[in-house]
C-alpha atoms as a PDB file:
ATOM      1  CA  UNK A   1     -46.589 -29.530  31.871  1.00  0.00           C
ATOM      2  CA  UNK A   2     -45.320 -26.648  33.442  1.00  0.00           C
ATOM      3  CA  UNK A   3     -45.434 -23.179  32.075  1.00  0.00           C
ATOM      4  CA  UNK A   4     -41.826 -23.564  31.386  1.00  0.00           C
ATOM      5  CA  UNK A   5     -42.509 -26.086  28.990  1.00  0.00           C
ATOM      6  CA  UNK A   6     -44.676 -23.458  27.077  1.00  0.00           C
ATOM      7  CA  UNK A   7     -41.953 -20.853  26.962  1.00  0.00           C
ATOM      8  CA  UNK A   8     -40.550 -20.020  23.839  1.00  0.00           C
ATOM      9  CA  UNK A   9     -36.783 -21.208  23.213  1.00  0.00           C
ATOM     10  CA  UNK A  10     -34.375 -18.374  23.353  1.00  0.00           C
ATOM     11  CA  UNK A  11     -32.771 -17.437  20.142  1.00  0.00           C
ATOM     12  CA  UNK A  12     -29.066 -16.772  20.550  1.00  0.00           C
ATOM     13  CA  UNK A  13     -28.136 -13.644  18.467  1.00  0.00           C
ATOM     14  CA  UNK A  14     -26.175 -14.878  15.427  1.00  0.00           C
ATOM     15  CA  UNK A  15     -22.220 -14.366  15.954  1.00  0.00           C
ATOM     16  CA  UNK A  16     -20.339 -12.030  13.203  1.00  0.00           C
ATOM     17  CA  UNK A  17     -18.361 -14.416  10.834  1.00  0.00           C
ATOM     18  CA  UNK A  18     -14.733 -14.838  12.298  1.00  0.00           C
ATOM     19  CA  UNK A  19     -13.423 -13.826   9.046  1.00  0.00           C
ATOM     20  CA  UNK A  20     -15.279 -10.553   8.776  1.00  0.00           C
ATOM     21  CA  UNK A  21     -14.282  -9.862  12.422  1.00  0.00           C
ATOM     22  CA  UNK A  22     -10.667 -10.111  11.361  1.00  0.00           C
ATOM     23  CA  UNK A  23     -11.148  -8.117   8.588  1.00  0.00           C
ATOM     24  CA  UNK A  24     -12.735  -5.341  10.483  1.00  0.00           C
ATOM     25  CA  UNK A  25     -10.213  -5.170  12.829  1.00  0.00           C
ATOM     26  CA  UNK A  26      -7.203  -4.789   9.924  1.00  0.00           C
ATOM     27  CA  UNK A  27      -9.542  -2.169   8.493  1.00  0.00           C
ATOM     28  CA  UNK A  28     -10.075  -0.261  11.969  1.00  0.00           C
ATOM     29  CA  UNK A  29      -6.362  -0.711  12.393  1.00  0.00           C
ATOM     30  CA  UNK A  30      -5.211   0.860   9.649  1.00  0.00           C
ATOM     31  CA  UNK A  31      -7.515   3.815   9.828  1.00  0.00           C
ATOM     32  CA  UNK A  32      -6.758   4.307  13.622  1.00  0.00           C
ATOM     33  CA  UNK A  33      -3.021   3.897  13.495  1.00  0.00           C
ATOM     34  CA  UNK A  34      -2.804   6.235  10.527  1.00  0.00           C
ATOM     35  CA  UNK A  35      -4.349   8.977  12.757  1.00  0.00           C
ATOM     36  CA  UNK A  36      -2.636   7.843  15.880  1.00  0.00           C
ATOM     37  CA  UNK A  37       0.426   5.332  15.561  1.00  0.00           C
ATOM     38  CA  UNK A  38       0.409   4.642  19.128  1.00  0.00           C
ATOM     39  CA  UNK A  39      -3.285   3.509  19.520  1.00  0.00           C
ATOM     40  CA  UNK A  40      -4.108   0.639  21.940  1.00  0.00           C
ATOM     41  CA  UNK A  41      -5.661  -2.664  21.141  1.00  0.00           C
ATOM     42  CA  UNK A  42      -8.698  -1.315  23.390  1.00  0.00           C
ATOM     43  CA  UNK A  43      -9.038   1.597  20.876  1.00  0.00           C
ATOM     44  CA  UNK A  44      -8.610  -0.450  17.746  1.00  0.00           C
ATOM     45  CA  UNK A  45     -11.107  -3.009  19.146  1.00  0.00           C
ATOM     46  CA  UNK A  46     -13.642   0.091  19.749  1.00  0.00           C
ATOM     47  CA  UNK A  47     -13.198   1.548  16.278  1.00  0.00           C
ATOM     48  CA  UNK A  48     -13.952  -2.151  14.868  1.00  0.00           C
ATOM     49  CA  UNK A  49     -17.122  -2.408  17.199  1.00  0.00           C
ATOM     50  CA  UNK A  50     -15.656  -5.463  18.729  1.00  0.00           C
ATOM     51  CA  UNK A  51     -14.785  -6.440  22.399  1.00  0.00           C
ATOM     52  CA  UNK A  52     -10.958  -6.352  23.522  1.00  0.00           C
ATOM     53  CA  UNK A  53     -11.699 -10.292  24.170  1.00  0.00           C
ATOM     54  CA  UNK A  54     -12.722 -10.643  20.629  1.00  0.00           C
ATOM     55  CA  UNK A  55      -9.404  -8.830  19.375  1.00  0.00           C
ATOM     56  CA  UNK A  56      -7.608 -11.714  21.343  1.00  0.00           C
ATOM     57  CA  UNK A  57      -9.439 -14.355  19.516  1.00  0.00           C
ATOM     58  CA  UNK A  58      -7.545 -13.276  16.355  1.00  0.00           C
ATOM     59  CA  UNK A  59      -4.287 -11.661  17.507  1.00  0.00           C
ATOM     60  CA  UNK A  60      -2.353 -12.591  20.656  1.00  0.00           C
ATOM     61  CA  UNK A  61      -0.958  -9.121  20.829  1.00  0.00           C
ATOM     62  CA  UNK A  62      -0.628  -5.578  19.243  1.00  0.00           C
ATOM     63  CA  UNK A  63       2.514  -6.542  17.726  1.00  0.00           C
ATOM     64  CA  UNK A  64       0.785  -9.569  15.983  1.00  0.00           C
ATOM     65  CA  UNK A  65      -2.015  -7.292  14.701  1.00  0.00           C
ATOM     66  CA  UNK A  66       0.591  -4.734  13.298  1.00  0.00           C
ATOM     67  CA  UNK A  67       2.600  -7.567  11.624  1.00  0.00           C
ATOM     68  CA  UNK A  68      -0.731  -8.856   9.806  1.00  0.00           C
ATOM     69  CA  UNK A  69      -1.756  -5.029   9.013  1.00  0.00           C
ATOM     70  CA  UNK A  70       1.703  -4.607   7.413  1.00  0.00           C
ATOM     71  CA  UNK A  71       1.324  -8.125   5.234  1.00  0.00           C
ATOM     72  CA  UNK A  72      -2.154  -7.228   4.391  1.00  0.00           C
ATOM     73  CA  UNK A  73      -1.139  -3.950   2.846  1.00  0.00           C
ATOM     74  CA  UNK A  74       1.695  -5.225   1.112  1.00  0.00           C
ATOM     75  CA  UNK A  75      -0.548  -7.827  -0.589  1.00  0.00           C
ATOM     76  CA  UNK A  76      -2.759  -5.260  -1.556  1.00  0.00           C
ATOM     77  CA  UNK A  77       0.070  -3.192  -3.118  1.00  0.00           C
ATOM     78  CA  UNK A  78       1.466  -6.097  -5.050  1.00  0.00           C
ATOM     79  CA  UNK A  79      -1.867  -6.819  -6.673  1.00  0.00           C
ATOM     80  CA  UNK A  80      -2.660  -3.027  -7.611  1.00  0.00           C
ATOM     81  CA  UNK A  81       1.100  -2.407  -9.071  1.00  0.00           C
ATOM     82  CA  UNK A  82       2.438  -5.383 -10.243  1.00  0.00           C
ATOM     83  CA  UNK A  83       0.953  -5.966 -13.602  1.00  0.00           C
ATOM     84  CA  UNK A  84       3.458  -7.596 -16.340  1.00  0.00           C
ATOM     85  CA  UNK A  85       1.993  -8.610 -19.288  1.00  0.00           C
ATOM     86  CA  UNK A  86      -1.291  -6.803 -18.878  1.00  0.00           C
ATOM     87  CA  UNK A  87      -2.587  -5.661 -22.367  1.00  0.00           C
ATOM     88  CA  UNK A  88      -3.268  -2.244 -21.256  1.00  0.00           C
ATOM     89  CA  UNK A  89       0.002  -1.667 -20.013  1.00  0.00           C
ATOM     90  CA  UNK A  90       2.351   0.900 -21.707  1.00  0.00           C
ATOM     91  CA  UNK A  91       5.511  -0.664 -23.298  1.00  0.00           C
ATOM     92  CA  UNK A  92       8.170   1.775 -22.574  1.00  0.00           C
ATOM     93  CA  UNK A  93      10.023   1.706 -19.387  1.00  0.00           C
ATOM     94  CA  UNK A  94       9.659   5.349 -18.180  1.00  0.00           C
ATOM     95  CA  UNK A  95       5.624   5.315 -18.686  1.00  0.00           C
ATOM     96  CA  UNK A  96       5.648   1.861 -16.749  1.00  0.00           C
ATOM     97  CA  UNK A  97       7.958   3.304 -14.044  1.00  0.00           C
ATOM     98  CA  UNK A  98       5.869   6.637 -13.691  1.00  0.00           C
ATOM     99  CA  UNK A  99       2.508   4.032 -13.671  1.00  0.00           C
ATOM    100  CA  UNK A 100       4.082   2.094 -10.971  1.00  0.00           C
ATOM    101  CA  UNK A 101       4.690   5.311  -8.977  1.00  0.00           C
ATOM    102  CA  UNK A 102       1.324   6.593  -9.331  1.00  0.00           C
ATOM    103  CA  UNK A 103      -0.421   3.238  -8.483  1.00  0.00           C
ATOM    104  CA  UNK A 104       1.625   2.908  -5.605  1.00  0.00           C
ATOM    105  CA  UNK A 105       0.593   6.304  -4.032  1.00  0.00           C
ATOM    106  CA  UNK A 106      -2.970   5.281  -4.783  1.00  0.00           C
ATOM    107  CA  UNK A 107      -2.581   2.564  -2.475  1.00  0.00           C
ATOM    108  CA  UNK A 108      -0.768   4.442   0.442  1.00  0.00           C
ATOM    109  CA  UNK A 109      -2.319   7.950   0.081  1.00  0.00           C
ATOM    110  CA  UNK A 110      -5.234   7.296   2.446  1.00  0.00           C
ATOM    111  CA  UNK A 111      -2.951   5.681   5.238  1.00  0.00           C
ATOM    112  CA  UNK A 112       0.379   7.609   4.874  1.00  0.00           C
ATOM    113  CA  UNK A 113       1.356   7.837   8.174  1.00  0.00           C
ATOM    114  CA  UNK A 114       0.969   4.079   8.962  1.00  0.00           C
ATOM    115  CA  UNK A 115       2.310   3.383   5.730  1.00  0.00           C
ATOM    116  CA  UNK A 116       5.684   5.279   6.537  1.00  0.00           C
ATOM    117  CA  UNK A 117       5.846   3.626  10.198  1.00  0.00           C
ATOM    118  CA  UNK A 118       5.615   0.313   8.434  1.00  0.00           C
ATOM    119  CA  UNK A 119       8.484   0.767   5.931  1.00  0.00           C
ATOM    120  CA  UNK A 120      10.616   2.569   8.446  1.00  0.00           C
ATOM    121  CA  UNK A 121       9.480   0.648  11.896  1.00  0.00           C
ATOM    122  CA  UNK A 122      10.319  -2.803  13.379  1.00  0.00           C
ATOM    123  CA  UNK A 123       8.441  -4.553  10.490  1.00  0.00           C
ATOM    124  CA  UNK A 124      10.558  -2.956   7.769  1.00  0.00           C
ATOM    125  CA  UNK A 125      12.048  -6.315   7.142  1.00  0.00           C
ATOM    126  CA  UNK A 126       9.149  -8.308   7.109  1.00  0.00           C
ATOM    127  CA  UNK A 127       7.267  -5.888   4.719  1.00  0.00           C
ATOM    128  CA  UNK A 128      10.304  -5.902   2.688  1.00  0.00           C
ATOM    129  CA  UNK A 129      10.074  -9.640   1.866  1.00  0.00           C
ATOM    130  CA  UNK A 130       6.156  -9.158   1.229  1.00  0.00           C
ATOM    131  CA  UNK A 131       6.830  -6.571  -1.159  1.00  0.00           C
ATOM    132  CA  UNK A 132       9.205  -8.733  -3.249  1.00  0.00           C
ATOM    133  CA  UNK A 133       6.866  -9.016  -6.179  1.00  0.00           C
ATOM    134  CA  UNK A 134       6.741  -5.080  -6.545  1.00  0.00           C
ATOM    135  CA  UNK A 135      10.471  -4.658  -6.091  1.00  0.00           C
ATOM    136  CA  UNK A 136      11.287  -7.294  -8.653  1.00  0.00           C
ATOM    137  CA  UNK A 137       8.677  -5.577 -10.847  1.00  0.00           C
ATOM    138  CA  UNK A 138      10.521  -2.181 -10.647  1.00  0.00           C
ATOM    139  CA  UNK A 139      13.936  -3.755 -11.034  1.00  0.00           C
ATOM    140  CA  UNK A 140      12.632  -5.621 -14.287  1.00  0.00           C
ATOM    141  CA  UNK A 141      11.460  -2.023 -15.416  1.00  0.00           C
ATOM    142  CA  UNK A 142      14.773  -0.431 -14.522  1.00  0.00           C
ATOM    143  CA  UNK A 143      16.714  -3.143 -15.998  1.00  0.00           C
ATOM    144  CA  UNK A 144      14.874  -2.846 -19.478  1.00  0.00           C
ATOM    145  CA  UNK A 145      15.271   1.095 -19.205  1.00  0.00           C
ATOM    146  CA  UNK A 146      19.158   0.671 -18.998  1.00  0.00           C
ATOM    147  CA  UNK A 147      19.253  -1.765 -21.530  1.00  0.00           C
ATOM    148  CA  UNK A 148      17.324   0.409 -23.942  1.00  0.00           C
ATOM    149  CA  UNK A 149      19.497   3.271 -23.066  1.00  0.00           C
ATOM    150  CA  UNK A 150      16.590   5.540 -21.853  1.00  0.00           C
ATOM    151  CA  UNK A 151      17.652   5.259 -18.256  1.00  0.00           C
ATOM    152  CA  UNK A 152      20.927   6.345 -16.568  1.00  0.00           C
ATOM    153  CA  UNK A 153      23.607   3.892 -17.337  1.00  0.00           C
ATOM    154  CA  UNK A 154      26.152   4.846 -14.434  1.00  0.00           C
ATOM    155  CA  UNK A 155      24.724   3.075 -11.751  1.00  0.00           C
ATOM    156  CA  UNK A 156      24.054  -0.693 -11.348  1.00  0.00           C
ATOM    157  CA  UNK A 157      20.226  -1.314 -12.206  1.00  0.00           C
ATOM    158  CA  UNK A 158      19.663  -3.357  -8.884  1.00  0.00           C
ATOM    159  CA  UNK A 159      21.095  -0.525  -7.178  1.00  0.00           C
ATOM    160  CA  UNK A 160      19.207   1.877  -9.039  1.00  0.00           C
ATOM    161  CA  UNK A 161      15.841   0.292  -8.241  1.00  0.00           C
ATOM    162  CA  UNK A 162      16.653   0.359  -4.735  1.00  0.00           C
ATOM    163  CA  UNK A 163      17.172   4.003  -4.889  1.00  0.00           C
ATOM    164  CA  UNK A 164      13.769   4.794  -6.833  1.00  0.00           C
ATOM    165  CA  UNK A 165      12.266   3.168  -3.991  1.00  0.00           C
ATOM    166  CA  UNK A 166      13.901   5.336  -1.562  1.00  0.00           C
ATOM    167  CA  UNK A 167      12.741   8.344  -3.545  1.00  0.00           C
ATOM    168  CA  UNK A 168       9.294   7.152  -3.291  1.00  0.00           C
ATOM    169  CA  UNK A 169       9.620   6.716   0.534  1.00  0.00           C
ATOM    170  CA  UNK A 170      11.008  10.435   0.561  1.00  0.00           C
ATOM    171  CA  UNK A 171       7.967  11.518  -1.176  1.00  0.00           C
ATOM    172  CA  UNK A 172       5.835   9.526   1.409  1.00  0.00           C
ATOM    173  CA  UNK A 173       7.648  11.079   4.301  1.00  0.00           C
ATOM    174  CA  UNK A 174       7.334  14.829   3.049  1.00  0.00           C
ATOM    175  CA  UNK A 175       3.486  13.856   2.534  1.00  0.00           C
ATOM    176  CA  UNK A 176       3.194  12.812   6.022  1.00  0.00           C
ATOM    177  CA  UNK A 177       5.110  15.640   7.481  1.00  0.00           C
ATOM    178  CA  UNK A 178       4.175  18.730   5.535  1.00  0.00           C
ATOM    179  CA  UNK A 179       1.043  17.677   3.675  1.00  0.00           C
ATOM    180  CA  UNK A 180       0.396  16.868  -0.140  1.00  0.00           C
ATOM    181  CA  UNK A 181      -2.877  16.660  -1.966  1.00  0.00           C
ATOM    182  CA  UNK A 182      -3.661  13.315  -3.427  1.00  0.00           C
ATOM    183  CA  UNK A 183      -2.945  14.955  -6.863  1.00  0.00           C
ATOM    184  CA  UNK A 184       0.357  16.257  -5.855  1.00  0.00           C
ATOM    185  CA  UNK A 185       1.450  13.088  -4.564  1.00  0.00           C
ATOM    186  CA  UNK A 186       0.810  11.257  -7.440  1.00  0.00           C
ATOM    187  CA  UNK A 187       2.846  13.431  -9.912  1.00  0.00           C
ATOM    188  CA  UNK A 188       5.787  14.006  -7.168  1.00  0.00           C
ATOM    189  CA  UNK A 189       6.211  10.375  -6.580  1.00  0.00           C
ATOM    190  CA  UNK A 190       6.383   9.799 -10.025  1.00  0.00           C
ATOM    191  CA  UNK A 191       8.704  12.656 -10.852  1.00  0.00           C
ATOM    192  CA  UNK A 192      11.166  11.542  -8.184  1.00  0.00           C
ATOM    193  CA  UNK A 193      11.092   7.865  -9.714  1.00  0.00           C
ATOM    194  CA  UNK A 194      11.819   9.268 -12.957  1.00  0.00           C
ATOM    195  CA  UNK A 195      14.376  11.764 -11.825  1.00  0.00           C
ATOM    196  CA  UNK A 196      16.159   8.908 -10.088  1.00  0.00           C
ATOM    197  CA  UNK A 197      16.049   7.159 -13.117  1.00  0.00           C
ATOM    198  CA  UNK A 198      18.114  10.119 -14.981  1.00  0.00           C
ATOM    199  CA  UNK A 199      15.154  12.191 -16.573  1.00  0.00           C
ATOM    200  CA  UNK A 200      15.071  15.795 -16.208  1.00  0.00           C
ATOM    201  CA  UNK A 201      11.769  17.649 -15.220  1.00  0.00           C
ATOM    202  CA  UNK A 202      11.266  18.507 -18.901  1.00  0.00           C
ATOM    203  CA  UNK A 203      11.878  15.105 -20.095  1.00  0.00           C
ATOM    204  CA  UNK A 204       9.799  13.186 -17.390  1.00  0.00           C
ATOM    205  CA  UNK A 205       6.789  15.455 -17.951  1.00  0.00           C
ATOM    206  CA  UNK A 206       5.195  13.508 -21.240  1.00  0.00           C
ATOM    207  CA  UNK A 207       5.864  10.023 -19.317  1.00  0.00           C
ATOM    208  CA  UNK A 208       4.128  11.567 -16.468  1.00  0.00           C
ATOM    209  CA  UNK A 209       1.158  12.685 -18.106  1.00  0.00           C
ATOM    210  CA  UNK A 210       0.759   9.415 -19.972  1.00  0.00           C
ATOM    211  CA  UNK A 211       0.906   7.374 -16.783  1.00  0.00           C
ATOM    212  CA  UNK A 212      -1.809   9.787 -14.940  1.00  0.00           C
ATOM    213  CA  UNK A 213      -3.937   9.377 -18.123  1.00  0.00           C
ATOM    214  CA  UNK A 214      -3.584   5.633 -18.161  1.00  0.00           C
ATOM    215  CA  UNK A 215      -4.345   5.493 -14.459  1.00  0.00           C
ATOM    216  CA  UNK A 216      -7.484   7.429 -15.012  1.00  0.00           C
ATOM    217  CA  UNK A 217      -8.612   5.208 -17.716  1.00  0.00           C
ATOM    218  CA  UNK A 218      -8.393   2.333 -15.473  1.00  0.00           C
ATOM    219  CA  UNK A 219     -10.347   4.145 -12.862  1.00  0.00           C
ATOM    220  CA  UNK A 220     -13.069   4.524 -15.336  1.00  0.00           C
ATOM    221  CA  UNK A 221     -13.469   1.161 -16.475  1.00  0.00           C
ATOM    222  CA  UNK A 222     -17.055  -0.751 -15.269  1.00  0.00           C
END
């Protein structure tokens, strides 16, 4: 028997789970691209603590990673914002619309630049399809508001819901270019949505405050 027969077997270090690596890449891309929208795959891999080769095991190109990041963000927004039928949801359309705006801001506030690039960049149509549940949710609120006579009636509800979306994106653009605190962003995006729906600042204020209170109460739940 040789000395090699007594040598301990080499123990290979455990590999990180593939799904965990993929999630790490998506999180790293969201963080890094928010700071630098032109960041390379190498930089994203380094941010995730992975090699470039590991990146290619999940995404063949940078564009594939950006596409996955956009879809991942859309799914997260839908899950956080779309809540028809939940027992704690307000029944009046104005408060519901303000609450949607506040919750939407909560999801994009920490990745403002990346969110703006996504909704105005080459993946705009893809994200638009992925956000269909959110858009349908907003249109349903607008239709109920118009039917109840609390929202403006001079614009078709489908068009009005698109204008509400555009108002929210305008706030995101302002926050990205000129800076807004998280609290300012929440208030401004909700006020912009309500303003587009036909409310003056004074009329919108109580619905905004109700939405902010509901959002706070949800955060305090165990």
